[in-house]
Amino acid sequence: MPRKKEKPEIRRAGPSSGRLLLRIIGGEWRGRKIRFPPVGAIRPTPDRVRETVFNWLQSDIAGSRCLDLFAGSGALGLEALSRGAARVVFVDVDPAATRHVVAALGELGCDRGEAVCADAGRYLAGPVEPFDIVFLDPPYAAHALAEACRRIDERGWLRRGGLAYLEDAATAGPPALPPGWTLLRSKRAGEVGYHLARRDTPPAG
């Protein structure tokens, strides 16, 4: 499956290491740098985008249960854990990416994260665990965002009232959402379009 292009803010860990650096930008591990291998053209969500997203989520992240689907480097899930999420499940089809997340959790001494090596569709077809927040950052070329939202909605992976972060190519415009979801915020940063949506609770009666 093709991945998104790397962004220039990702730095090499050293002149001959062949590894890249991810910087956690807020919370308990603010400023910590995590090294990850350049497998599958993994590209973490840019720093300025993550800062905006977690400002949007600042009143919801502490104590939340999060799913980082298409996790890649794990940037979004690690940021959530740093800012007080109670649990994050990282899912990625690339075994090297999954191993990286396991190593990063170990380096941070964190037991609140779980890394699962699986195709996103296969994972969503499995036993359901409702989450408070879902991060969806699939490879742009895969056009997988709408289908992932549909499966999450139909099977109840996101609780009613829960929040979904959605990232896609800026040229894709606003995401197609399942019925009953509300688009709360949308922004663009260079080639990245990013959005926050809520799976609404049906009205009483």
N, C-alpha and C. Protein backbone atom coordinates (compact mmCIF):
# COMPACT_ATOMS: atom_id res chain seq x y z
N MET A 1 0.85 -1.19 0.00
CA MET A 1 0.00 0.00 0.00
C MET A 1 0.89 1.24 0.00
N PRO A 2 0.69 2.17 -0.91
CA PRO A 2 1.55 3.35 -0.96
C PRO A 2 1.32 4.26 0.22
N ARG A 3 2.35 4.92 0.64
CA ARG A 3 2.27 5.85 1.76
C ARG A 3 2.42 7.28 1.27
N LYS A 4 2.12 8.21 2.16
CA LYS A 4 2.25 9.62 1.82
C LYS A 4 3.71 10.04 1.74
N LYS A 5 3.93 11.15 1.08
CA LYS A 5 5.28 11.67 0.94
C LYS A 5 5.80 12.18 2.27
N GLU A 6 7.11 12.06 2.46
CA GLU A 6 7.72 12.61 3.65
C GLU A 6 7.69 14.13 3.59
N LYS A 7 7.69 14.75 4.76
CA LYS A 7 7.67 16.21 4.86
C LYS A 7 9.05 16.70 5.30
N PRO A 8 9.42 17.93 4.96
CA PRO A 8 10.77 18.39 5.24
C PRO A 8 11.09 18.58 6.71
N GLU A 9 10.06 18.67 7.60
CA GLU A 9 10.39 18.89 9.01
C GLU A 9 10.91 17.63 9.70
N ILE A 10 10.86 16.48 9.04
CA ILE A 10 11.43 15.27 9.62
C ILE A 10 12.94 15.30 9.42
N ARG A 11 13.67 15.10 10.52
CA ARG A 11 15.12 15.21 10.46
C ARG A 11 15.78 13.85 10.61
N ARG A 12 16.92 13.68 9.99
CA ARG A 12 17.72 12.47 10.19
C ARG A 12 18.29 12.46 11.59
N ALA A 13 18.34 11.27 12.19
CA ALA A 13 18.88 11.15 13.55
C ALA A 13 20.39 11.29 13.57
N GLY A 14 21.05 11.08 12.47
CA GLY A 14 22.50 11.21 12.43
C GLY A 14 22.97 11.05 11.01
N PRO A 15 24.18 11.44 10.72
CA PRO A 15 24.67 11.43 9.35
C PRO A 15 24.68 10.06 8.69
N SER A 16 24.78 9.00 9.47
CA SER A 16 24.86 7.67 8.87
C SER A 16 23.87 6.69 9.47
N SER A 17 22.94 7.20 10.31
CA SER A 17 22.04 6.28 11.01
C SER A 17 20.93 5.76 10.12
N GLY A 18 20.53 6.54 9.11
CA GLY A 18 19.41 6.15 8.27
C GLY A 18 18.08 6.21 8.99
N ARG A 19 18.06 6.77 10.20
CA ARG A 19 16.84 6.82 10.99
C ARG A 19 16.33 8.26 11.05
N LEU A 20 15.04 8.39 11.37
CA LEU A 20 14.38 9.69 11.43
C LEU A 20 13.95 10.00 12.85
N LEU A 21 13.72 11.28 13.11
CA LEU A 21 13.35 11.72 14.45
C LEU A 21 11.93 12.25 14.48
N LEU A 22 11.20 11.85 15.51
CA LEU A 22 9.88 12.38 15.82
C LEU A 22 9.98 13.10 17.15
N ARG A 23 9.49 14.33 17.23
CA ARG A 23 9.54 15.09 18.48
C ARG A 23 8.14 15.19 19.08
N ILE A 24 8.01 14.79 20.34
CA ILE A 24 6.74 14.95 21.05
C ILE A 24 6.66 16.39 21.50
N ILE A 25 5.52 17.05 21.24
CA ILE A 25 5.47 18.50 21.39
C ILE A 25 4.75 19.00 22.64
N GLY A 26 4.11 18.11 23.40
CA GLY A 26 3.43 18.59 24.60
C GLY A 26 3.23 17.48 25.61
N GLY A 27 2.90 17.87 26.85
CA GLY A 27 2.58 16.90 27.88
C GLY A 27 3.79 16.38 28.63
N GLU A 28 3.63 15.20 29.21
CA GLU A 28 4.63 14.59 30.08
C GLU A 28 5.98 14.43 29.41
N TRP A 29 5.97 14.09 28.12
CA TRP A 29 7.22 13.82 27.40
C TRP A 29 7.57 14.94 26.44
N ARG A 30 7.12 16.11 26.72
CA ARG A 30 7.37 17.25 25.83
C ARG A 30 8.86 17.38 25.53
N GLY A 31 9.17 17.50 24.24
CA GLY A 31 10.55 17.66 23.81
C GLY A 31 11.31 16.37 23.59
N ARG A 32 10.73 15.23 24.03
CA ARG A 32 11.41 13.95 23.81
C ARG A 32 11.45 13.63 22.32
N LYS A 33 12.56 13.07 21.86
CA LYS A 33 12.72 12.71 20.46
C LYS A 33 12.76 11.19 20.33
N ILE A 34 11.94 10.69 19.44
CA ILE A 34 11.83 9.26 19.21
C ILE A 34 12.39 8.95 17.83
N ARG A 35 13.31 8.01 17.76
CA ARG A 35 13.89 7.60 16.48
C ARG A 35 13.04 6.51 15.84
N PHE A 36 12.86 6.58 14.54
CA PHE A 36 12.15 5.51 13.84
C PHE A 36 12.77 5.29 12.48
N PRO A 37 12.68 4.07 11.97
CA PRO A 37 13.30 3.75 10.68
C PRO A 37 12.47 4.29 9.52
N PRO A 38 13.10 4.63 8.40
CA PRO A 38 12.37 5.16 7.24
C PRO A 38 11.72 4.04 6.44
N VAL A 39 10.83 3.27 7.11
CA VAL A 39 10.18 2.16 6.42
C VAL A 39 8.85 2.63 5.84
N GLY A 40 8.52 2.13 4.66
CA GLY A 40 7.22 2.41 4.07
C GLY A 40 6.92 3.88 3.89
N ALA A 41 7.95 4.72 3.80
CA ALA A 41 7.76 6.17 3.64
C ALA A 41 6.86 6.75 4.72
N ILE A 42 7.04 6.27 5.96
CA ILE A 42 6.26 6.79 7.08
C ILE A 42 6.50 8.29 7.22
N ARG A 43 5.42 9.04 7.41
CA ARG A 43 5.52 10.48 7.60
C ARG A 43 4.65 10.90 8.78
N PRO A 44 5.25 11.26 9.91
CA PRO A 44 4.43 11.74 11.02
C PRO A 44 3.65 13.00 10.66
N THR A 45 2.50 13.16 11.26
CA THR A 45 1.75 14.40 11.12
C THR A 45 2.65 15.55 11.56
N PRO A 46 2.79 16.61 10.75
CA PRO A 46 3.72 17.71 11.07
C PRO A 46 3.47 18.33 12.44
N ASP A 47 4.54 18.87 13.04
CA ASP A 47 4.46 19.45 14.38
C ASP A 47 3.34 20.49 14.50
N ARG A 48 3.26 21.41 13.56
CA ARG A 48 2.29 22.50 13.69
C ARG A 48 0.86 21.97 13.58
N VAL A 49 0.67 20.90 12.81
CA VAL A 49 -0.66 20.29 12.72
C VAL A 49 -1.00 19.60 14.03
N ARG A 50 -0.06 18.83 14.56
CA ARG A 50 -0.32 18.15 15.84
C ARG A 50 -0.61 19.15 16.96
N GLU A 51 0.11 20.25 16.97
CA GLU A 51 -0.13 21.26 18.00
C GLU A 51 -1.56 21.79 17.91
N THR A 52 -2.02 22.08 16.69
CA THR A 52 -3.39 22.56 16.52
C THR A 52 -4.40 21.50 16.92
N VAL A 53 -4.19 20.27 16.48
CA VAL A 53 -5.13 19.18 16.77
C VAL A 53 -5.27 18.97 18.26
N PHE A 54 -4.16 18.96 18.97
CA PHE A 54 -4.25 18.70 20.40
C PHE A 54 -4.72 19.92 21.18
N ASN A 55 -4.64 21.10 20.60
CA ASN A 55 -5.36 22.24 21.17
C ASN A 55 -6.86 22.03 21.04
N TRP A 56 -7.30 21.51 19.90
CA TRP A 56 -8.72 21.18 19.72
C TRP A 56 -9.18 20.16 20.75
N LEU A 57 -8.30 19.21 21.08
CA LEU A 57 -8.67 18.08 21.94
C LEU A 57 -8.31 18.29 23.40
N GLN A 58 -7.82 19.46 23.77
CA GLN A 58 -7.23 19.62 25.09
C GLN A 58 -8.18 19.31 26.25
N SER A 59 -9.48 19.54 26.06
CA SER A 59 -10.43 19.25 27.15
C SER A 59 -10.95 17.81 27.10
N ASP A 60 -10.53 17.04 26.11
CA ASP A 60 -11.06 15.68 25.93
C ASP A 60 -10.00 14.59 26.06
N ILE A 61 -8.73 14.94 25.99
CA ILE A 61 -7.70 13.91 25.85
C ILE A 61 -7.37 13.20 27.16
N ALA A 62 -7.36 13.91 28.28
CA ALA A 62 -6.99 13.29 29.55
C ALA A 62 -7.98 12.19 29.91
N GLY A 63 -7.45 11.00 30.19
CA GLY A 63 -8.28 9.87 30.58
C GLY A 63 -9.01 9.19 29.44
N SER A 64 -8.76 9.60 28.21
CA SER A 64 -9.50 9.05 27.06
C SER A 64 -8.91 7.73 26.59
N ARG A 65 -9.73 6.97 25.88
CA ARG A 65 -9.30 5.74 25.20
C ARG A 65 -9.22 6.06 23.71
N CYS A 66 -8.06 5.85 23.12
CA CYS A 66 -7.83 6.30 21.75
C CYS A 66 -7.41 5.15 20.85
N LEU A 67 -7.83 5.25 19.59
CA LEU A 67 -7.39 4.33 18.54
C LEU A 67 -6.61 5.12 17.51
N ASP A 68 -5.35 4.74 17.29
CA ASP A 68 -4.50 5.35 16.27
C ASP A 68 -4.43 4.37 15.11
N LEU A 69 -5.40 4.47 14.19
CA LEU A 69 -5.46 3.58 13.04
C LEU A 69 -4.52 4.13 11.97
N PHE A 70 -3.95 3.24 11.15
CA PHE A 70 -2.91 3.65 10.19
C PHE A 70 -1.80 4.39 10.95
N ALA A 71 -1.32 3.81 12.05
CA ALA A 71 -0.49 4.53 13.02
C ALA A 71 0.83 5.02 12.47
N GLY A 72 1.47 4.27 11.56
CA GLY A 72 2.77 4.70 11.04
C GLY A 72 3.79 4.89 12.14
N SER A 73 4.31 6.09 12.27
CA SER A 73 5.30 6.40 13.31
C SER A 73 4.70 6.41 14.71
N GLY A 74 3.38 6.45 14.81
CA GLY A 74 2.72 6.54 16.11
C GLY A 74 2.68 7.95 16.67
N ALA A 75 2.96 8.96 15.84
CA ALA A 75 3.06 10.33 16.33
C ALA A 75 1.81 10.79 17.06
N LEU A 76 0.64 10.50 16.51
CA LEU A 76 -0.59 10.99 17.12
C LEU A 76 -0.89 10.25 18.42
N GLY A 77 -0.74 8.94 18.41
CA GLY A 77 -1.00 8.18 19.62
C GLY A 77 -0.01 8.47 20.74
N LEU A 78 1.27 8.62 20.39
CA LEU A 78 2.27 8.96 21.41
C LEU A 78 2.01 10.34 22.00
N GLU A 79 1.60 11.27 21.15
CA GLU A 79 1.26 12.61 21.64
C GLU A 79 0.07 12.53 22.59
N ALA A 80 -0.92 11.69 22.25
CA ALA A 80 -2.08 11.52 23.12
C ALA A 80 -1.68 10.95 24.47
N LEU A 81 -0.80 9.95 24.48
CA LEU A 81 -0.35 9.37 25.74
C LEU A 81 0.43 10.40 26.56
N SER A 82 1.26 11.18 25.90
CA SER A 82 2.03 12.21 26.60
C SER A 82 1.11 13.22 27.30
N ARG A 83 -0.05 13.44 26.70
CA ARG A 83 -0.99 14.43 27.23
C ARG A 83 -2.06 13.82 28.12
N GLY A 84 -1.88 12.55 28.50
CA GLY A 84 -2.74 11.99 29.54
C GLY A 84 -3.79 11.00 29.11
N ALA A 85 -3.77 10.54 27.85
CA ALA A 85 -4.72 9.50 27.44
C ALA A 85 -4.53 8.26 28.31
N ALA A 86 -5.64 7.61 28.66
CA ALA A 86 -5.57 6.43 29.52
C ALA A 86 -5.09 5.20 28.76
N ARG A 87 -5.40 5.14 27.46
CA ARG A 87 -5.06 3.96 26.67
C ARG A 87 -5.03 4.35 25.19
N VAL A 88 -4.05 3.85 24.47
CA VAL A 88 -3.99 4.05 23.02
C VAL A 88 -3.66 2.71 22.37
N VAL A 89 -4.46 2.33 21.38
CA VAL A 89 -4.16 1.17 20.55
C VAL A 89 -3.66 1.68 19.21
N PHE A 90 -2.45 1.25 18.84
CA PHE A 90 -1.81 1.63 17.58
C PHE A 90 -1.98 0.48 16.60
N VAL A 91 -2.51 0.76 15.42
CA VAL A 91 -2.71 -0.29 14.42
C VAL A 91 -2.01 0.12 13.13
N ASP A 92 -1.15 -0.77 12.60
CA ASP A 92 -0.51 -0.52 11.32
C ASP A 92 -0.21 -1.85 10.64
N VAL A 93 -0.30 -1.86 9.32
CA VAL A 93 -0.07 -3.09 8.56
C VAL A 93 1.41 -3.41 8.41
N ASP A 94 2.28 -2.44 8.63
CA ASP A 94 3.72 -2.62 8.44
C ASP A 94 4.37 -3.17 9.72
N PRO A 95 4.94 -4.38 9.68
CA PRO A 95 5.55 -4.93 10.90
C PRO A 95 6.65 -4.06 11.47
N ALA A 96 7.45 -3.41 10.61
CA ALA A 96 8.53 -2.55 11.11
C ALA A 96 7.96 -1.35 11.86
N ALA A 97 6.87 -0.79 11.35
CA ALA A 97 6.23 0.32 12.05
C ALA A 97 5.71 -0.12 13.41
N THR A 98 5.11 -1.30 13.46
CA THR A 98 4.60 -1.82 14.73
C THR A 98 5.72 -2.04 15.72
N ARG A 99 6.84 -2.62 15.25
CA ARG A 99 7.99 -2.82 16.14
C ARG A 99 8.51 -1.49 16.66
N HIS A 100 8.52 -0.47 15.80
CA HIS A 100 8.96 0.86 16.23
C HIS A 100 8.09 1.38 17.37
N VAL A 101 6.77 1.24 17.25
CA VAL A 101 5.88 1.74 18.30
C VAL A 101 6.13 1.00 19.60
N VAL A 102 6.29 -0.33 19.53
CA VAL A 102 6.60 -1.10 20.73
C VAL A 102 7.88 -0.60 21.38
N ALA A 103 8.91 -0.35 20.56
CA ALA A 103 10.19 0.14 21.09
C ALA A 103 10.03 1.53 21.70
N ALA A 104 9.24 2.40 21.05
CA ALA A 104 9.04 3.75 21.57
C ALA A 104 8.32 3.72 22.92
N LEU A 105 7.32 2.86 23.04
CA LEU A 105 6.61 2.74 24.31
C LEU A 105 7.55 2.25 25.41
N GLY A 106 8.43 1.31 25.05
CA GLY A 106 9.40 0.83 26.02
C GLY A 106 10.39 1.91 26.42
N GLU A 107 10.85 2.68 25.45
CA GLU A 107 11.78 3.77 25.72
C GLU A 107 11.16 4.82 26.65
N LEU A 108 9.87 5.04 26.49
CA LEU A 108 9.17 6.03 27.31
C LEU A 108 8.69 5.45 28.64
N GLY A 109 8.82 4.14 28.82
CA GLY A 109 8.37 3.50 30.05
C GLY A 109 6.86 3.55 30.20
N CYS A 110 6.15 3.41 29.08
CA CYS A 110 4.70 3.55 29.08
C CYS A 110 4.02 2.20 28.87
N ASP A 111 3.11 1.85 29.77
CA ASP A 111 2.36 0.60 29.64
C ASP A 111 0.90 0.84 29.27
N ARG A 112 0.60 2.05 28.79
CA ARG A 112 -0.78 2.39 28.43
C ARG A 112 -1.05 2.28 26.92
N GLY A 113 -0.05 1.80 26.18
CA GLY A 113 -0.20 1.65 24.74
C GLY A 113 -0.08 0.21 24.31
N GLU A 114 -0.77 -0.12 23.23
CA GLU A 114 -0.72 -1.46 22.64
C GLU A 114 -0.54 -1.32 21.13
N ALA A 115 0.39 -2.05 20.56
CA ALA A 115 0.64 -1.99 19.12
C ALA A 115 0.14 -3.28 18.47
N VAL A 116 -0.66 -3.13 17.42
CA VAL A 116 -1.24 -4.27 16.71
C VAL A 116 -0.82 -4.19 15.25
N CYS A 117 -0.21 -5.26 14.74
CA CYS A 117 0.17 -5.31 13.34
C CYS A 117 -0.98 -5.95 12.57
N ALA A 118 -1.72 -5.13 11.84
CA ALA A 118 -2.89 -5.62 11.12
C ALA A 118 -3.31 -4.62 10.07
N ASP A 119 -3.90 -5.10 9.01
CA ASP A 119 -4.58 -4.25 8.05
C ASP A 119 -5.76 -3.57 8.74
N ALA A 120 -5.98 -2.30 8.44
CA ALA A 120 -7.02 -1.54 9.12
C ALA A 120 -8.40 -2.18 8.95
N GLY A 121 -8.72 -2.60 7.72
CA GLY A 121 -10.01 -3.22 7.49
C GLY A 121 -10.20 -4.50 8.28
N ARG A 122 -9.16 -5.30 8.34
CA ARG A 122 -9.24 -6.55 9.11
C ARG A 122 -9.40 -6.27 10.60
N TYR A 123 -8.67 -5.27 11.08
CA TYR A 123 -8.78 -4.93 12.49
C TYR A 123 -10.22 -4.48 12.83
N LEU A 124 -10.78 -3.63 11.98
CA LEU A 124 -12.13 -3.10 12.23
C LEU A 124 -13.20 -4.18 12.10
N ALA A 125 -12.87 -5.30 11.44
CA ALA A 125 -13.81 -6.40 11.33
C ALA A 125 -13.78 -7.31 12.56
N GLY A 126 -12.82 -7.08 13.45
CA GLY A 126 -12.66 -7.92 14.64
C GLY A 126 -13.53 -7.48 15.80
N PRO A 127 -13.25 -8.04 16.99
CA PRO A 127 -14.03 -7.68 18.18
C PRO A 127 -13.96 -6.18 18.46
N VAL A 128 -15.11 -5.59 18.74
CA VAL A 128 -15.20 -4.13 18.86
C VAL A 128 -14.87 -3.67 20.27
N GLU A 129 -14.06 -2.63 20.34
CA GLU A 129 -13.77 -1.91 21.58
C GLU A 129 -14.09 -0.44 21.33
N PRO A 130 -15.16 0.09 21.93
CA PRO A 130 -15.50 1.50 21.67
C PRO A 130 -14.42 2.44 22.22
N PHE A 131 -14.04 3.42 21.43
CA PHE A 131 -13.03 4.40 21.83
C PHE A 131 -13.67 5.78 21.96
N ASP A 132 -13.00 6.65 22.72
CA ASP A 132 -13.44 8.03 22.89
C ASP A 132 -12.94 8.92 21.75
N ILE A 133 -11.73 8.61 21.26
CA ILE A 133 -11.11 9.39 20.19
C ILE A 133 -10.46 8.42 19.20
N VAL A 134 -10.68 8.67 17.92
CA VAL A 134 -10.05 7.87 16.87
C VAL A 134 -9.23 8.80 15.98
N PHE A 135 -7.97 8.42 15.73
CA PHE A 135 -7.10 9.16 14.81
C PHE A 135 -7.03 8.40 13.50
N LEU A 136 -7.41 9.05 12.41
CA LEU A 136 -7.43 8.41 11.09
C LEU A 136 -6.56 9.21 10.14
N ASP A 137 -5.40 8.64 9.82
CA ASP A 137 -4.44 9.30 8.93
C ASP A 137 -3.94 8.27 7.92
N PRO A 138 -4.82 7.79 7.02
CA PRO A 138 -4.41 6.77 6.07
C PRO A 138 -3.53 7.34 4.97
N PRO A 139 -2.80 6.47 4.26
CA PRO A 139 -2.05 6.95 3.09
C PRO A 139 -2.98 7.68 2.13
N TYR A 140 -2.60 8.86 1.70
CA TYR A 140 -3.49 9.67 0.86
C TYR A 140 -3.92 8.92 -0.40
N ALA A 141 -2.96 8.24 -1.03
CA ALA A 141 -3.25 7.59 -2.30
C ALA A 141 -4.22 6.42 -2.17
N ALA A 142 -4.41 5.91 -0.95
CA ALA A 142 -5.29 4.75 -0.74
C ALA A 142 -6.76 5.14 -0.74
N HIS A 143 -7.06 6.43 -0.54
CA HIS A 143 -8.45 6.91 -0.50
C HIS A 143 -9.28 6.07 0.49
N ALA A 144 -8.72 5.82 1.66
CA ALA A 144 -9.32 4.91 2.62
C ALA A 144 -10.11 5.60 3.72
N LEU A 145 -10.12 6.92 3.74
CA LEU A 145 -10.70 7.64 4.87
C LEU A 145 -12.20 7.41 5.00
N ALA A 146 -12.95 7.58 3.92
CA ALA A 146 -14.41 7.44 3.99
C ALA A 146 -14.81 6.03 4.38
N GLU A 147 -14.12 5.03 3.83
CA GLU A 147 -14.45 3.64 4.16
C GLU A 147 -14.14 3.33 5.62
N ALA A 148 -13.03 3.84 6.13
CA ALA A 148 -12.69 3.63 7.54
C ALA A 148 -13.74 4.26 8.44
N CYS A 149 -14.18 5.47 8.12
CA CYS A 149 -15.23 6.12 8.91
C CYS A 149 -16.52 5.30 8.89
N ARG A 150 -16.86 4.79 7.72
CA ARG A 150 -18.09 4.00 7.59
C ARG A 150 -18.04 2.76 8.48
N ARG A 151 -16.92 2.05 8.44
CA ARG A 151 -16.80 0.84 9.24
C ARG A 151 -16.80 1.16 10.74
N ILE A 152 -16.12 2.22 11.10
CA ILE A 152 -16.08 2.63 12.51
C ILE A 152 -17.48 2.96 13.00
N ASP A 153 -18.25 3.66 12.17
CA ASP A 153 -19.62 4.03 12.55
C ASP A 153 -20.52 2.82 12.63
N GLU A 154 -20.50 1.96 11.62
CA GLU A 154 -21.41 0.82 11.56
C GLU A 154 -21.18 -0.16 12.69
N ARG A 155 -19.93 -0.34 13.09
CA ARG A 155 -19.62 -1.35 14.11
C ARG A 155 -19.46 -0.74 15.50
N GLY A 156 -19.51 0.58 15.62
CA GLY A 156 -19.46 1.20 16.95
C GLY A 156 -18.08 1.30 17.56
N TRP A 157 -17.04 1.44 16.72
CA TRP A 157 -15.69 1.61 17.26
C TRP A 157 -15.51 2.96 17.94
N LEU A 158 -16.28 3.95 17.56
CA LEU A 158 -16.24 5.27 18.21
C LEU A 158 -17.54 5.45 18.97
N ARG A 159 -17.43 5.72 20.26
CA ARG A 159 -18.64 5.87 21.07
C ARG A 159 -19.45 7.07 20.60
N ARG A 160 -20.73 7.07 20.92
CA ARG A 160 -21.57 8.23 20.65
C ARG A 160 -21.03 9.45 21.40
N GLY A 161 -20.86 10.54 20.71
CA GLY A 161 -20.25 11.73 21.31
C GLY A 161 -18.74 11.74 21.21
N GLY A 162 -18.16 10.64 20.69
CA GLY A 162 -16.71 10.56 20.54
C GLY A 162 -16.21 11.41 19.38
N LEU A 163 -14.90 11.62 19.34
CA LEU A 163 -14.28 12.52 18.36
C LEU A 163 -13.36 11.75 17.41
N ALA A 164 -13.34 12.19 16.17
CA ALA A 164 -12.46 11.58 15.17
C ALA A 164 -11.60 12.66 14.53
N TYR A 165 -10.28 12.44 14.56
CA TYR A 165 -9.35 13.28 13.81
C TYR A 165 -9.15 12.65 12.45
N LEU A 166 -9.33 13.43 11.39
CA LEU A 166 -9.27 12.93 10.03
C LEU A 166 -8.23 13.73 9.25
N GLU A 167 -7.28 13.02 8.62
CA GLU A 167 -6.25 13.70 7.84
C GLU A 167 -6.23 13.15 6.42
N ASP A 168 -6.09 14.05 5.45
CA ASP A 168 -6.07 13.67 4.04
C ASP A 168 -5.29 14.73 3.28
N ALA A 169 -5.11 14.50 1.99
CA ALA A 169 -4.50 15.52 1.15
C ALA A 169 -5.38 16.76 1.15
N ALA A 170 -4.75 17.92 1.20
CA ALA A 170 -5.51 19.18 1.24
C ALA A 170 -6.42 19.31 0.02
N THR A 171 -5.99 18.75 -1.10
CA THR A 171 -6.79 18.86 -2.33
C THR A 171 -8.06 18.03 -2.27
N ALA A 172 -8.17 17.12 -1.31
CA ALA A 172 -9.36 16.26 -1.20
C ALA A 172 -10.57 17.02 -0.66
N GLY A 173 -10.35 18.16 0.00
CA GLY A 173 -11.46 18.92 0.54
C GLY A 173 -12.02 18.29 1.81
N PRO A 174 -13.20 18.74 2.26
CA PRO A 174 -13.81 18.21 3.48
C PRO A 174 -14.09 16.71 3.35
N PRO A 175 -13.91 15.95 4.42
CA PRO A 175 -14.10 14.51 4.34
C PRO A 175 -15.57 14.13 4.22
N ALA A 176 -15.82 12.99 3.58
CA ALA A 176 -17.17 12.43 3.52
C ALA A 176 -17.43 11.70 4.83
N LEU A 177 -18.45 12.15 5.56
CA LEU A 177 -18.73 11.59 6.88
C LEU A 177 -19.98 10.72 6.87
N PRO A 178 -20.04 9.72 7.74
CA PRO A 178 -21.25 8.92 7.86
C PRO A 178 -22.42 9.78 8.35
N PRO A 179 -23.65 9.37 8.08
CA PRO A 179 -24.81 10.09 8.63
C PRO A 179 -24.74 10.16 10.15
N GLY A 180 -25.05 11.32 10.70
CA GLY A 180 -25.01 11.48 12.14
C GLY A 180 -23.68 11.96 12.69
N TRP A 181 -22.70 12.16 11.80
CA TRP A 181 -21.43 12.75 12.23
C TRP A 181 -21.45 14.24 11.89
N THR A 182 -20.82 15.04 12.73
CA THR A 182 -20.75 16.48 12.52
C THR A 182 -19.30 16.90 12.35
N LEU A 183 -19.02 17.65 11.30
CA LEU A 183 -17.68 18.21 11.10
C LEU A 183 -17.56 19.45 11.97
N LEU A 184 -16.62 19.43 12.91
CA LEU A 184 -16.46 20.52 13.88
C LEU A 184 -15.43 21.56 13.43
N ARG A 185 -14.33 21.08 12.87
CA ARG A 185 -13.24 21.99 12.49
C ARG A 185 -12.53 21.44 11.26
N SER A 186 -11.99 22.35 10.45
CA SER A 186 -11.19 21.98 9.29
C SER A 186 -10.10 23.02 9.10
N LYS A 187 -8.88 22.55 8.80
CA LYS A 187 -7.79 23.46 8.49
C LYS A 187 -6.91 22.82 7.42
N ARG A 188 -6.03 23.64 6.89
CA ARG A 188 -5.08 23.19 5.88
C ARG A 188 -3.71 23.72 6.23
N ALA A 189 -2.69 22.87 6.06
CA ALA A 189 -1.30 23.27 6.25
C ALA A 189 -0.49 22.66 5.12
N GLY A 190 -0.15 23.47 4.13
CA GLY A 190 0.57 22.96 2.97
C GLY A 190 -0.24 21.91 2.24
N GLU A 191 0.31 20.71 2.12
CA GLU A 191 -0.36 19.61 1.42
C GLU A 191 -1.34 18.85 2.30
N VAL A 192 -1.42 19.21 3.58
CA VAL A 192 -2.22 18.45 4.55
C VAL A 192 -3.55 19.15 4.82
N GLY A 193 -4.65 18.40 4.66
CA GLY A 193 -5.95 18.85 5.12
C GLY A 193 -6.31 18.07 6.37
N TYR A 194 -6.70 18.74 7.44
CA TYR A 194 -6.99 18.02 8.68
C TYR A 194 -8.26 18.55 9.32
N HIS A 195 -8.97 17.62 9.97
CA HIS A 195 -10.36 17.89 10.37
C HIS A 195 -10.67 17.20 11.70
N LEU A 196 -11.66 17.74 12.39
CA LEU A 196 -12.16 17.12 13.62
C LEU A 196 -13.66 16.94 13.46
N ALA A 197 -14.12 15.72 13.72
CA ALA A 197 -15.54 15.39 13.60
C ALA A 197 -16.03 14.71 14.87
N ARG A 198 -17.33 14.76 15.07
CA ARG A 198 -17.94 14.12 16.25
C ARG A 198 -19.03 13.15 15.79
N ARG A 199 -19.05 11.98 16.38
CA ARG A 199 -20.14 11.03 16.15
C ARG A 199 -21.25 11.37 17.15
N ASP A 200 -22.29 11.97 16.67
CA ASP A 200 -23.28 12.54 17.57
C ASP A 200 -24.15 11.51 18.25
N THR A 201 -24.66 11.89 19.41
CA THR A 201 -25.61 11.08 20.15
C THR A 201 -27.01 11.35 19.63
N PRO A 202 -27.77 10.30 19.27
CA PRO A 202 -29.12 10.53 18.76
C PRO A 202 -29.97 11.24 19.82
N PRO A 203 -30.89 12.12 19.37
CA PRO A 203 -31.75 12.82 20.32
C PRO A 203 -32.64 11.86 21.09
N ALA A 204 -32.91 12.19 22.33
CA ALA A 204 -33.76 11.34 23.18
C ALA A 204 -35.17 11.29 22.60
N GLY A 205 -35.79 10.12 22.75
CA GLY A 205 -37.17 9.97 22.32
C GLY A 205 -37.32 9.64 20.87
